[in-house]
Every structure is written in structure tokens, then in C-alpha cells.
Amino acid sequence: MNAETQSKPKSTKAEFVATFIKADGSPRTMRFASTIERVAAATGMITVWDVEKRSVRRLNLDTLVGRIIPLTA
């Protein structure tokens, strides 16, 4: 097989919910969309789609309260 005929594995999109501490010190719970692979491999900051605000956001994984919970997979 050459590079053109090989198919790249598809990323699995899912929704998640996470609570974290914002820069101002207040907690926030965010429902967001990303790929399972990206969330699993992430360290530090991760760029996600905020489902409720309909905007791209950066989530600082170092300020998580608890863990990231998958809603769909």
C-alpha cells in the first residue's frame, strides 16, 4: 500500500464535561466537544469547542477539579 491508498484512522468525536478553576479563581463547569484521542493525550492546555457558548475555548488541565467526564462516545 502506498501513502495515497492508506486511510488515516478516523478521530472519534465526543462531548465531555469538566469543572476547572478559571483565571479569576472562580470555578466553572463546561460542556465541550473534542476528540477522544485529543483529550486522552492532552497535557497542560487543550483547545476545545464550548458547546453552550458555541465558541472555541482553552481548557487548562492543570486547574481541573475532579476529572473529565465523557457524555457521548
PDB file of N, CA and C in Angstrom:
ATOM      1  N   MET A   1       0.842  -1.190   0.000  1.00  0.00           N
ATOM      2  CA  MET A   1       0.000   0.000   0.000  1.00  0.00           C
ATOM      3  C   MET A   1       0.875   1.236   0.000  1.00  0.00           C
ATOM      4  N   ASN A   2       0.496   2.189  -0.804  1.00  0.00           N
ATOM      5  CA  ASN A   2       1.244   3.438  -0.770  1.00  0.00           C
ATOM      6  C   ASN A   2       0.516   4.445   0.128  1.00  0.00           C
ATOM      7  N   ALA A   3       1.122   5.610   0.314  1.00  0.00           N
ATOM      8  CA  ALA A   3       0.573   6.619   1.222  1.00  0.00           C
ATOM      9  C   ALA A   3      -0.796   7.116   0.779  1.00  0.00           C
ATOM     10  N   GLU A   4      -1.062   7.122  -0.519  1.00  0.00           N
ATOM     11  CA  GLU A   4      -2.339   7.626  -1.010  1.00  0.00           C
ATOM     12  C   GLU A   4      -3.484   6.656  -0.750  1.00  0.00           C
ATOM     13  N   THR A   5      -3.211   5.366  -0.749  1.00  0.00           N
ATOM     14  CA  THR A   5      -4.284   4.399  -0.560  1.00  0.00           C
ATOM     15  C   THR A   5      -4.490   4.032   0.905  1.00  0.00           C
ATOM     16  N   GLN A   6      -3.565   4.372   1.761  1.00  0.00           N
ATOM     17  CA  GLN A   6      -3.746   4.104   3.181  1.00  0.00           C
ATOM     18  C   GLN A   6      -4.712   5.127   3.758  1.00  0.00           C
ATOM     19  N   SER A   7      -5.648   4.652   4.534  1.00  0.00           N
ATOM     20  CA  SER A   7      -6.580   5.592   5.151  1.00  0.00           C
ATOM     21  C   SER A   7      -6.114   5.917   6.564  1.00  0.00           C
ATOM     22  N   LYS A   8      -6.222   7.185   6.895  1.00  0.00           N
ATOM     23  CA  LYS A   8      -5.868   7.643   8.235  1.00  0.00           C
ATOM     24  C   LYS A   8      -6.991   7.231   9.185  1.00  0.00           C
ATOM     25  N   PRO A   9      -6.653   6.733  10.375  1.00  0.00           N
ATOM     26  CA  PRO A   9      -7.715   6.368  11.312  1.00  0.00           C
ATOM     27  C   PRO A   9      -8.579   7.584  11.640  1.00  0.00           C
ATOM     28  N   LYS A  10      -9.892   7.377  11.689  1.00  0.00           N
ATOM     29  CA  LYS A  10     -10.802   8.476  11.993  1.00  0.00           C
ATOM     30  C   LYS A  10     -10.753   8.793  13.481  1.00  0.00           C
ATOM     31  N   SER A  11     -10.811  10.083  13.778  1.00  0.00           N
ATOM     32  CA  SER A  11     -10.895  10.515  15.165  1.00  0.00           C
ATOM     33  C   SER A  11     -12.335  10.356  15.635  1.00  0.00           C
ATOM     34  N   THR A  12     -12.496   9.971  16.884  1.00  0.00           N
ATOM     35  CA  THR A  12     -13.816   9.776  17.441  1.00  0.00           C
ATOM     36  C   THR A  12     -14.230  11.024  18.208  1.00  0.00           C
ATOM     37  N   LYS A  13     -15.215  11.743  17.677  1.00  0.00           N
ATOM     38  CA  LYS A  13     -15.693  12.961  18.335  1.00  0.00           C
ATOM     39  C   LYS A  13     -16.638  12.599  19.463  1.00  0.00           C
ATOM     40  N   ALA A  14     -16.578  13.389  20.539  1.00  0.00           N
ATOM     41  CA  ALA A  14     -17.429  13.138  21.688  1.00  0.00           C
ATOM     42  C   ALA A  14     -17.638  14.428  22.470  1.00  0.00           C
ATOM     43  N   GLU A  15     -18.627  14.412  23.361  1.00  0.00           N
ATOM     44  CA  GLU A  15     -18.853  15.522  24.271  1.00  0.00           C
ATOM     45  C   GLU A  15     -18.392  15.110  25.658  1.00  0.00           C
ATOM     46  N   PHE A  16     -17.888  16.096  26.377  1.00  0.00           N
ATOM     47  CA  PHE A  16     -17.370  15.892  27.718  1.00  0.00           C
ATOM     48  C   PHE A  16     -17.862  17.010  28.616  1.00  0.00           C
ATOM     49  N   VAL A  17     -17.736  16.810  29.918  1.00  0.00           N
ATOM     50  CA  VAL A  17     -17.988  17.876  30.884  1.00  0.00           C
ATOM     51  C   VAL A  17     -16.822  17.876  31.871  1.00  0.00           C
ATOM     52  N   ALA A  18     -16.392  19.078  32.230  1.00  0.00           N
ATOM     53  CA  ALA A  18     -15.281  19.209  33.177  1.00  0.00           C
ATOM     54  C   ALA A  18     -15.484  20.468  34.003  1.00  0.00           C
ATOM     55  N   THR A  19     -15.070  20.407  35.255  1.00  0.00           N
ATOM     56  CA  THR A  19     -15.065  21.574  36.121  1.00  0.00           C
ATOM     57  C   THR A  19     -13.621  21.965  36.339  1.00  0.00           C
ATOM     58  N   PHE A  20     -13.357  23.264  36.250  1.00  0.00           N
ATOM     59  CA  PHE A  20     -11.998  23.762  36.409  1.00  0.00           C
ATOM     60  C   PHE A  20     -12.052  25.118  37.094  1.00  0.00           C
ATOM     61  N   ILE A  21     -10.902  25.606  37.514  1.00  0.00           N
ATOM     62  CA  ILE A  21     -10.793  26.915  38.141  1.00  0.00           C
ATOM     63  C   ILE A  21     -10.348  27.915  37.089  1.00  0.00           C
ATOM     64  N   LYS A  22     -11.155  28.959  36.894  1.00  0.00           N
ATOM     65  CA  LYS A  22     -10.832  29.992  35.905  1.00  0.00           C
ATOM     66  C   LYS A  22      -9.674  30.857  36.403  1.00  0.00           C
ATOM     67  N   ALA A  23      -9.149  31.685  35.526  1.00  0.00           N
ATOM     68  CA  ALA A  23      -8.021  32.561  35.865  1.00  0.00           C
ATOM     69  C   ALA A  23      -8.359  33.502  37.014  1.00  0.00           C
ATOM     70  N   ASP A  24      -9.648  33.874  37.152  1.00  0.00           N
ATOM     71  CA  ASP A  24     -10.036  34.782  38.240  1.00  0.00           C
ATOM     72  C   ASP A  24     -10.259  34.049  39.565  1.00  0.00           C
ATOM     73  N   GLY A  25     -10.065  32.728  39.569  1.00  0.00           N
ATOM     74  CA  GLY A  25     -10.185  31.937  40.790  1.00  0.00           C
ATOM     75  C   GLY A  25     -11.550  31.305  41.006  1.00  0.00           C
ATOM     76  N   SER A  26     -12.512  31.604  40.155  1.00  0.00           N
ATOM     77  CA  SER A  26     -13.847  31.024  40.310  1.00  0.00           C
ATOM     78  C   SER A  26     -13.947  29.709  39.539  1.00  0.00           C
ATOM     79  N   PRO A  27     -14.768  28.790  40.052  1.00  0.00           N
ATOM     80  CA  PRO A  27     -14.940  27.516  39.345  1.00  0.00           C
ATOM     81  C   PRO A  27     -15.907  27.657  38.176  1.00  0.00           C
ATOM     82  N   ARG A  28     -15.725  26.826  37.171  1.00  0.00           N
ATOM     83  CA  ARG A  28     -16.632  26.807  36.023  1.00  0.00           C
ATOM     84  C   ARG A  28     -16.767  25.365  35.540  1.00  0.00           C
ATOM     85  N   THR A  29     -17.995  24.973  35.249  1.00  0.00           N
ATOM     86  CA  THR A  29     -18.254  23.670  34.646  1.00  0.00           C
ATOM     87  C   THR A  29     -18.579  23.922  33.181  1.00  0.00           C
ATOM     88  N   MET A  30     -17.856  23.242  32.313  1.00  0.00           N
ATOM     89  CA  MET A  30     -18.014  23.458  30.877  1.00  0.00           C
ATOM     90  C   MET A  30     -18.329  22.139  30.180  1.00  0.00           C
ATOM     91  N   ARG A  31     -19.318  22.180  29.297  1.00  0.00           N
ATOM     92  CA  ARG A  31     -19.615  21.064  28.403  1.00  0.00           C
ATOM     93  C   ARG A  31     -18.911  21.377  27.095  1.00  0.00           C
ATOM     94  N   PHE A  32     -18.073  20.470  26.638  1.00  0.00           N
ATOM     95  CA  PHE A  32     -17.292  20.745  25.441  1.00  0.00           C
ATOM     96  C   PHE A  32     -17.196  19.532  24.537  1.00  0.00           C
ATOM     97  N   ALA A  33     -16.851  19.807  23.276  1.00  0.00           N
ATOM     98  CA  ALA A  33     -16.666  18.755  22.285  1.00  0.00           C
ATOM     99  C   ALA A  33     -15.201  18.717  21.869  1.00  0.00           C
ATOM    100  N   SER A  34     -14.713  17.528  21.664  1.00  0.00           N
ATOM    101  CA  SER A  34     -13.350  17.314  21.194  1.00  0.00           C
ATOM    102  C   SER A  34     -13.281  15.866  20.709  1.00  0.00           C
ATOM    103  N   THR A  35     -12.095  15.414  20.391  1.00  0.00           N
ATOM    104  CA  THR A  35     -11.952  14.005  20.047  1.00  0.00           C
ATOM    105  C   THR A  35     -11.453  13.259  21.276  1.00  0.00           C
ATOM    106  N   ILE A  36     -11.823  12.009  21.360  1.00  0.00           N
ATOM    107  CA  ILE A  36     -11.388  11.178  22.482  1.00  0.00           C
ATOM    108  C   ILE A  36      -9.871  11.109  22.520  1.00  0.00           C
ATOM    109  N   GLU A  37      -9.260  10.990  21.341  1.00  0.00           N
ATOM    110  CA  GLU A  37      -7.803  10.881  21.264  1.00  0.00           C
ATOM    111  C   GLU A  37      -7.118  12.150  21.783  1.00  0.00           C
ATOM    112  N   ARG A  38      -7.641  13.308  21.418  1.00  0.00           N
ATOM    113  CA  ARG A  38      -7.046  14.573  21.845  1.00  0.00           C
ATOM    114  C   ARG A  38      -7.142  14.748  23.362  1.00  0.00           C
ATOM    115  N   VAL A  39      -8.307  14.426  23.925  1.00  0.00           N
ATOM    116  CA  VAL A  39      -8.497  14.566  25.371  1.00  0.00           C
ATOM    117  C   VAL A  39      -7.603  13.581  26.115  1.00  0.00           C
ATOM    118  N   ALA A  40      -7.516  12.363  25.629  1.00  0.00           N
ATOM    119  CA  ALA A  40      -6.710  11.339  26.299  1.00  0.00           C
ATOM    120  C   ALA A  40      -5.223  11.672  26.292  1.00  0.00           C
ATOM    121  N   ALA A  41      -4.749  12.326  25.238  1.00  0.00           N
ATOM    122  CA  ALA A  41      -3.319  12.614  25.113  1.00  0.00           C
ATOM    123  C   ALA A  41      -2.939  14.001  25.641  1.00  0.00           C
ATOM    124  N   ALA A  42      -3.908  14.789  26.041  1.00  0.00           N
ATOM    125  CA  ALA A  42      -3.655  16.190  26.391  1.00  0.00           C
ATOM    126  C   ALA A  42      -2.911  16.342  27.714  1.00  0.00           C
ATOM    127  N   THR A  43      -2.063  17.351  27.734  1.00  0.00           N
ATOM    128  CA  THR A  43      -1.408  17.806  28.956  1.00  0.00           C
ATOM    129  C   THR A  43      -1.373  19.318  28.905  1.00  0.00           C
ATOM    130  N   GLY A  44      -1.422  19.953  30.037  1.00  0.00           N
ATOM    131  CA  GLY A  44      -1.368  21.421  30.069  1.00  0.00           C
ATOM    132  C   GLY A  44      -2.649  22.039  29.561  1.00  0.00           C
ATOM    133  N   MET A  45      -2.585  22.691  28.406  1.00  0.00           N
ATOM    134  CA  MET A  45      -3.743  23.360  27.817  1.00  0.00           C
ATOM    135  C   MET A  45      -4.270  22.553  26.631  1.00  0.00           C
ATOM    136  N   ILE A  46      -5.598  22.557  26.474  1.00  0.00           N
ATOM    137  CA  ILE A  46      -6.220  21.893  25.339  1.00  0.00           C
ATOM    138  C   ILE A  46      -7.269  22.843  24.745  1.00  0.00           C
ATOM    139  N   THR A  47      -7.316  22.905  23.430  1.00  0.00           N
ATOM    140  CA  THR A  47      -8.310  23.720  22.743  1.00  0.00           C
ATOM    141  C   THR A  47      -9.525  22.848  22.465  1.00  0.00           C
ATOM    142  N   VAL A  48     -10.708  23.343  22.868  1.00  0.00           N
ATOM    143  CA  VAL A  48     -11.942  22.576  22.729  1.00  0.00           C
ATOM    144  C   VAL A  48     -13.057  23.479  22.202  1.00  0.00           C
ATOM    145  N   TRP A  49     -14.174  22.880  21.821  1.00  0.00           N
ATOM    146  CA  TRP A  49     -15.350  23.618  21.395  1.00  0.00           C
ATOM    147  C   TRP A  49     -16.336  23.644  22.558  1.00  0.00           C
ATOM    148  N   ASP A  50     -16.615  24.841  23.099  1.00  0.00           N
ATOM    149  CA  ASP A  50     -17.575  25.016  24.186  1.00  0.00           C
ATOM    150  C   ASP A  50     -18.971  24.894  23.579  1.00  0.00           C
ATOM    151  N   VAL A  51     -19.686  23.845  23.939  1.00  0.00           N
ATOM    152  CA  VAL A  51     -20.986  23.536  23.346  1.00  0.00           C
ATOM    153  C   VAL A  51     -22.027  24.598  23.714  1.00  0.00           C
ATOM    154  N   GLU A  52     -22.019  25.067  24.950  1.00  0.00           N
ATOM    155  CA  GLU A  52     -23.031  26.022  25.399  1.00  0.00           C
ATOM    156  C   GLU A  52     -22.786  27.440  24.887  1.00  0.00           C
ATOM    157  N   LYS A  53     -21.522  27.877  24.865  1.00  0.00           N
ATOM    158  CA  LYS A  53     -21.199  29.232  24.398  1.00  0.00           C
ATOM    159  C   LYS A  53     -20.941  29.280  22.899  1.00  0.00           C
ATOM    160  N   ARG A  54     -20.889  28.102  22.271  1.00  0.00           N
ATOM    161  CA  ARG A  54     -20.675  27.972  20.831  1.00  0.00           C
ATOM    162  C   ARG A  54     -19.432  28.729  20.382  1.00  0.00           C
ATOM    163  N   SER A  55     -18.326  28.403  21.037  1.00  0.00           N
ATOM    164  CA  SER A  55     -17.066  29.100  20.775  1.00  0.00           C
ATOM    165  C   SER A  55     -15.892  28.197  21.129  1.00  0.00           C
ATOM    166  N   VAL A  56     -14.756  28.508  20.543  1.00  0.00           N
ATOM    167  CA  VAL A  56     -13.526  27.789  20.868  1.00  0.00           C
ATOM    168  C   VAL A  56     -13.006  28.320  22.200  1.00  0.00           C
ATOM    169  N   ARG A  57     -12.599  27.413  23.071  1.00  0.00           N
ATOM    170  CA  ARG A  57     -12.061  27.786  24.379  1.00  0.00           C
ATOM    171  C   ARG A  57     -10.789  26.997  24.650  1.00  0.00           C
ATOM    172  N   ARG A  58      -9.983  27.515  25.562  1.00  0.00           N
ATOM    173  CA  ARG A  58      -8.784  26.802  26.010  1.00  0.00           C
ATOM    174  C   ARG A  58      -9.051  26.324  27.433  1.00  0.00           C
ATOM    175  N   LEU A  59      -8.830  25.046  27.659  1.00  0.00           N
ATOM    176  CA  LEU A  59      -9.050  24.432  28.958  1.00  0.00           C
ATOM    177  C   LEU A  59      -7.699  24.086  29.563  1.00  0.00           C
ATOM    178  N   ASN A  60      -7.418  24.652  30.729  1.00  0.00           N
ATOM    179  CA  ASN A  60      -6.166  24.381  31.427  1.00  0.00           C
ATOM    180  C   ASN A  60      -6.357  23.133  32.285  1.00  0.00           C
ATOM    181  N   LEU A  61      -5.773  22.046  31.869  1.00  0.00           N
ATOM    182  CA  LEU A  61      -5.942  20.777  32.571  1.00  0.00           C
ATOM    183  C   LEU A  61      -5.292  20.784  33.949  1.00  0.00           C
ATOM    184  N   ASP A  62      -4.380  21.709  34.191  1.00  0.00           N
ATOM    185  CA  ASP A  62      -3.734  21.802  35.499  1.00  0.00           C
ATOM    186  C   ASP A  62      -4.669  22.363  36.562  1.00  0.00           C
ATOM    187  N   THR A  63      -5.810  22.939  36.151  1.00  0.00           N
ATOM    188  CA  THR A  63      -6.761  23.510  37.117  1.00  0.00           C
ATOM    189  C   THR A  63      -8.048  22.700  37.217  1.00  0.00           C
ATOM    190  N   LEU A  64      -8.033  21.480  36.711  1.00  0.00           N
ATOM    191  CA  LEU A  64      -9.225  20.631  36.788  1.00  0.00           C
ATOM    192  C   LEU A  64      -9.608  20.356  38.232  1.00  0.00           C
ATOM    193  N   VAL A  65     -10.915  20.326  38.473  1.00  0.00           N
ATOM    194  CA  VAL A  65     -11.462  19.897  39.751  1.00  0.00           C
ATOM    195  C   VAL A  65     -12.110  18.551  39.463  1.00  0.00           C
ATOM    196  N   GLY A  66     -11.524  17.491  39.932  1.00  0.00           N
ATOM    197  CA  GLY A  66     -12.031  16.159  39.609  1.00  0.00           C
ATOM    198  C   GLY A  66     -11.456  15.681  38.284  1.00  0.00           C
ATOM    199  N   ARG A  67     -12.323  15.121  37.455  1.00  0.00           N
ATOM    200  CA  ARG A  67     -11.853  14.568  36.182  1.00  0.00           C
ATOM    201  C   ARG A  67     -12.779  14.965  35.048  1.00  0.00           C
ATOM    202  N   ILE A  68     -12.347  14.719  33.834  1.00  0.00           N
ATOM    203  CA  ILE A  68     -13.160  14.957  32.652  1.00  0.00           C
ATOM    204  C   ILE A  68     -14.109  13.779  32.481  1.00  0.00           C
ATOM    205  N   ILE A  69     -15.391  14.063  32.340  1.00  0.00           N
ATOM    206  CA  ILE A  69     -16.398  13.027  32.234  1.00  0.00           C
ATOM    207  C   ILE A  69     -16.949  12.984  30.813  1.00  0.00           C
ATOM    208  N   PRO A  70     -16.851  11.842  30.145  1.00  0.00           N
ATOM    209  CA  PRO A  70     -17.421  11.738  28.788  1.00  0.00           C
ATOM    210  C   PRO A  70     -18.944  11.654  28.859  1.00  0.00           C
ATOM    211  N   LEU A  71     -19.617  12.409  27.978  1.00  0.00           N
ATOM    212  CA  LEU A  71     -21.070  12.373  27.892  1.00  0.00           C
ATOM    213  C   LEU A  71     -21.526  11.505  26.732  1.00  0.00           C
ATOM    214  N   THR A  72     -20.756  11.557  25.627  1.00  0.00           N
ATOM    215  CA  THR A  72     -21.061  10.733  24.459  1.00  0.00           C
ATOM    216  C   THR A  72     -19.761  10.142  23.947  1.00  0.00           C
ATOM    217  N   ALA A  73     -19.872   9.059  23.269  1.00  0.00           N
ATOM    218  CA  ALA A  73     -18.688   8.450  22.657  1.00  0.00           C
ATOM    219  C   ALA A  73     -19.077   7.663  21.433  1.00  0.00           C
TER     220      ALA A  73
END
